[in-house]
Amino acid sequence: MVGRRDEDELQQMLPLPEAVFHILVALADHERHGYALMQEVAALTNGRMRLRPGTLYAAIQRMLEQGLIVEVSPRGGDERRRTYRTTPRGRQLAIAETERLRALLAKARLAGFAPRRA
């Protein structure tokens, strides 16, 4: 359960940088190493977003410091590759950002900027 203070802190982190949100989404289903994250983000965005190594690893470093992701030991994999997964805090922040985007889309629909649901 998220306390009020934690919830306020998460809300202050919004809106998320696009790269951070895509990394959290890419880690939603399972752990990934850096190169796999780059590939997954490209796939999730149909190639619209291609994270370069500098952007990816700078974002990863900030996300580690903020407690949004953690480094985990790879299972039977290459020990030289750093593998990451989301933390409960990271999941909560991704949910908060998803809700923010949902509300924004609802407003855009009302304004006629996006099609209404079929």
C-alpha atoms as a PDB file:
ATOM      1  CA  MET A   1       0.000   0.000   0.000  1.00  0.00           C
ATOM      2  CA  VAL A   2       1.241   3.457  -0.881  1.00  0.00           C
ATOM      3  CA  GLY A   3       1.260   6.073   1.858  1.00  0.00           C
ATOM      4  CA  ARG A   4       0.114   9.647   1.198  1.00  0.00           C
ATOM      5  CA  ARG A   5       3.673  10.939   1.361  1.00  0.00           C
ATOM      6  CA  ASP A   6       4.852   8.301  -1.140  1.00  0.00           C
ATOM      7  CA  GLU A   7       1.910   9.074  -3.431  1.00  0.00           C
ATOM      8  CA  ASP A   8       2.682  12.804  -3.315  1.00  0.00           C
ATOM      9  CA  GLU A   9       6.329  12.103  -4.100  1.00  0.00           C
ATOM     10  CA  LEU A  10       5.353   9.949  -7.094  1.00  0.00           C
ATOM     11  CA  GLN A  11       2.983  12.640  -8.380  1.00  0.00           C
ATOM     12  CA  GLN A  12       5.821  15.171  -8.241  1.00  0.00           C
ATOM     13  CA  MET A  13       7.840  12.942 -10.600  1.00  0.00           C
ATOM     14  CA  LEU A  14       5.171  13.281 -13.305  1.00  0.00           C
ATOM     15  CA  PRO A  15       5.176  13.686 -16.200  1.00  0.00           C
ATOM     16  CA  LEU A  16       7.845  11.081 -16.766  1.00  0.00           C
ATOM     17  CA  PRO A  17      10.479  11.545 -19.423  1.00  0.00           C
ATOM     18  CA  GLU A  18       9.398   9.461 -22.408  1.00  0.00           C
ATOM     19  CA  ALA A  19      12.477   7.219 -22.226  1.00  0.00           C
ATOM     20  CA  VAL A  20      11.852   6.430 -18.547  1.00  0.00           C
ATOM     21  CA  PHE A  21       8.220   5.493 -19.177  1.00  0.00           C
ATOM     22  CA  HIS A  22       9.157   3.233 -22.090  1.00  0.00           C
ATOM     23  CA  ILE A  23      11.877   1.540 -20.029  1.00  0.00           C
ATOM     24  CA  LEU A  24       9.380   0.837 -17.234  1.00  0.00           C
ATOM     25  CA  VAL A  25       6.902  -0.583 -19.758  1.00  0.00           C
ATOM     26  CA  ALA A  26       9.644  -2.720 -21.322  1.00  0.00           C
ATOM     27  CA  LEU A  27      10.482  -4.123 -17.885  1.00  0.00           C
ATOM     28  CA  ALA A  28       6.852  -4.784 -16.944  1.00  0.00           C
ATOM     29  CA  ASP A  29       6.788  -8.402 -18.048  1.00  0.00           C
ATOM     30  CA  HIS A  30      10.295  -9.529 -17.123  1.00  0.00           C
ATOM     31  CA  GLU A  31      13.916  -8.624 -16.439  1.00  0.00           C
ATOM     32  CA  ARG A  32      16.065  -7.337 -19.309  1.00  0.00           C
ATOM     33  CA  HIS A  33      19.622  -6.222 -19.934  1.00  0.00           C
ATOM     34  CA  GLY A  34      20.464  -2.946 -21.667  1.00  0.00           C
ATOM     35  CA  TYR A  35      20.557  -4.165 -25.259  1.00  0.00           C
ATOM     36  CA  ALA A  36      17.296  -6.082 -24.790  1.00  0.00           C
ATOM     37  CA  LEU A  37      15.742  -2.905 -23.365  1.00  0.00           C
ATOM     38  CA  MET A  38      16.771  -0.954 -26.475  1.00  0.00           C
ATOM     39  CA  GLN A  39      15.236  -3.627 -28.691  1.00  0.00           C
ATOM     40  CA  GLU A  40      12.016  -3.861 -26.672  1.00  0.00           C
ATOM     41  CA  VAL A  41      11.472  -0.091 -26.619  1.00  0.00           C
ATOM     42  CA  ALA A  42      11.963   0.029 -30.397  1.00  0.00           C
ATOM     43  CA  ALA A  43       9.469  -2.830 -30.802  1.00  0.00           C
ATOM     44  CA  LEU A  44       6.896  -1.292 -28.421  1.00  0.00           C
ATOM     45  CA  THR A  45       7.021   1.998 -30.338  1.00  0.00           C
ATOM     46  CA  ASN A  46       7.117   0.453 -33.821  1.00  0.00           C
ATOM     47  CA  GLY A  47      10.598   1.927 -34.263  1.00  0.00           C
ATOM     48  CA  ARG A  48       9.508   5.477 -33.391  1.00  0.00           C
ATOM     49  CA  MET A  49      11.799   5.564 -30.370  1.00  0.00           C
ATOM     50  CA  ARG A  50      15.275   4.139 -30.586  1.00  0.00           C
ATOM     51  CA  LEU A  51      17.222   4.576 -27.381  1.00  0.00           C
ATOM     52  CA  ARG A  52      20.895   5.187 -27.888  1.00  0.00           C
ATOM     53  CA  PRO A  53      23.269   3.695 -25.324  1.00  0.00           C
ATOM     54  CA  GLY A  54      24.072   7.074 -23.739  1.00  0.00           C
ATOM     55  CA  THR A  55      20.397   7.931 -23.283  1.00  0.00           C
ATOM     56  CA  LEU A  56      19.535   4.451 -22.037  1.00  0.00           C
ATOM     57  CA  TYR A  57      22.310   4.162 -19.468  1.00  0.00           C
ATOM     58  CA  ALA A  58      21.857   7.718 -18.178  1.00  0.00           C
ATOM     59  CA  ALA A  59      18.151   6.955 -17.667  1.00  0.00           C
ATOM     60  CA  ILE A  60      18.970   3.618 -16.023  1.00  0.00           C
ATOM     61  CA  GLN A  61      21.373   5.316 -13.619  1.00  0.00           C
ATOM     62  CA  ARG A  62      18.734   7.884 -12.590  1.00  0.00           C
ATOM     63  CA  MET A  63      16.097   5.173 -12.254  1.00  0.00           C
ATOM     64  CA  LEU A  64      18.404   3.116 -10.018  1.00  0.00           C
ATOM     65  CA  GLU A  65      19.052   6.177  -7.834  1.00  0.00           C
ATOM     66  CA  GLN A  66      15.306   6.881  -7.597  1.00  0.00           C
ATOM     67  CA  GLY A  67      14.527   3.286  -6.651  1.00  0.00           C
ATOM     68  CA  LEU A  68      12.412   2.655  -9.764  1.00  0.00           C
ATOM     69  CA  ILE A  69      14.466  -0.324 -10.933  1.00  0.00           C
ATOM     70  CA  VAL A  70      17.078  -2.623  -9.442  1.00  0.00           C
ATOM     71  CA  GLU A  71      19.948  -4.557 -10.902  1.00  0.00           C
ATOM     72  CA  VAL A  72      19.549  -8.319 -10.612  1.00  0.00           C
ATOM     73  CA  SER A  73      21.894 -11.210 -11.179  1.00  0.00           C
ATOM     74  CA  PRO A  74      21.249 -12.781 -14.582  1.00  0.00           C
ATOM     75  CA  ARG A  75      19.888 -16.328 -14.458  1.00  0.00           C
ATOM     76  CA  GLY A  76      22.323 -18.590 -16.263  1.00  0.00           C
ATOM     77  CA  GLY A  77      23.396 -15.698 -18.409  1.00  0.00           C
ATOM     78  CA  ASP A  78      26.440 -13.610 -19.036  1.00  0.00           C
ATOM     79  CA  GLU A  79      27.602 -12.186 -15.696  1.00  0.00           C
ATOM     80  CA  ARG A  80      29.057  -9.182 -17.535  1.00  0.00           C
ATOM     81  CA  ARG A  81      25.610  -8.035 -18.642  1.00  0.00           C
ATOM     82  CA  ARG A  82      23.691  -5.996 -16.149  1.00  0.00           C
ATOM     83  CA  THR A  83      20.071  -7.033 -15.926  1.00  0.00           C
ATOM     84  CA  TYR A  84      17.283  -4.872 -14.491  1.00  0.00           C
ATOM     85  CA  ARG A  85      13.745  -5.226 -13.180  1.00  0.00           C
ATOM     86  CA  THR A  86      11.165  -2.821 -11.858  1.00  0.00           C
ATOM     87  CA  THR A  87      10.606  -2.244  -8.172  1.00  0.00           C
ATOM     88  CA  PRO A  88       7.171  -1.826  -6.592  1.00  0.00           C
ATOM     89  CA  ARG A  89       7.876   1.922  -6.607  1.00  0.00           C
ATOM     90  CA  GLY A  90       8.677   1.798 -10.320  1.00  0.00           C
ATOM     91  CA  ARG A  91       5.430  -0.059 -11.035  1.00  0.00           C
ATOM     92  CA  GLN A  92       3.470   2.478  -8.975  1.00  0.00           C
ATOM     93  CA  LEU A  93       5.043   5.336 -10.898  1.00  0.00           C
ATOM     94  CA  ALA A  94       4.303   3.673 -14.259  1.00  0.00           C
ATOM     95  CA  ILE A  95       0.681   3.210 -13.167  1.00  0.00           C
ATOM     96  CA  ALA A  96       0.468   6.874 -12.116  1.00  0.00           C
ATOM     97  CA  GLU A  97       1.888   7.987 -15.484  1.00  0.00           C
ATOM     98  CA  THR A  98      -0.520   5.696 -17.335  1.00  0.00           C
ATOM     99  CA  GLU A  99      -3.422   7.241 -15.432  1.00  0.00           C
ATOM    100  CA  ARG A 100      -2.148  10.744 -16.202  1.00  0.00           C
ATOM    101  CA  LEU A 101      -1.952   9.890 -19.909  1.00  0.00           C
ATOM    102  CA  ARG A 102      -5.422   8.277 -19.825  1.00  0.00           C
ATOM    103  CA  ALA A 103      -6.928  11.435 -18.334  1.00  0.00           C
ATOM    104  CA  LEU A 104      -5.127  13.582 -20.905  1.00  0.00           C
ATOM    105  CA  LEU A 105      -6.439  11.409 -23.738  1.00  0.00           C
ATOM    106  CA  ALA A 106      -9.972  11.696 -22.353  1.00  0.00           C
ATOM    107  CA  LYS A 107      -9.652  15.497 -22.415  1.00  0.00           C
ATOM    108  CA  ALA A 108      -8.244  15.398 -25.951  1.00  0.00           C
ATOM    109  CA  ARG A 109     -11.228  13.296 -27.051  1.00  0.00           C
ATOM    110  CA  LEU A 110     -13.648  15.802 -25.536  1.00  0.00           C
ATOM    111  CA  ALA A 111     -11.851  18.606 -27.367  1.00  0.00           C
ATOM    112  CA  GLY A 112     -12.097  16.713 -30.649  1.00  0.00           C
ATOM    113  CA  PHE A 113      -8.368  16.066 -30.950  1.00  0.00           C
ATOM    114  CA  ALA A 114      -8.654  12.283 -30.757  1.00  0.00           C
ATOM    115  CA  PRO A 115     -11.323   9.913 -32.051  1.00  0.00           C
ATOM    116  CA  ARG A 116     -13.950   8.759 -29.626  1.00  0.00           C
ATOM    117  CA  ARG A 117     -13.855   5.099 -28.677  1.00  0.00           C
ATOM    118  CA  ALA A 118     -15.598   2.816 -31.131  1.00  0.00           C
END
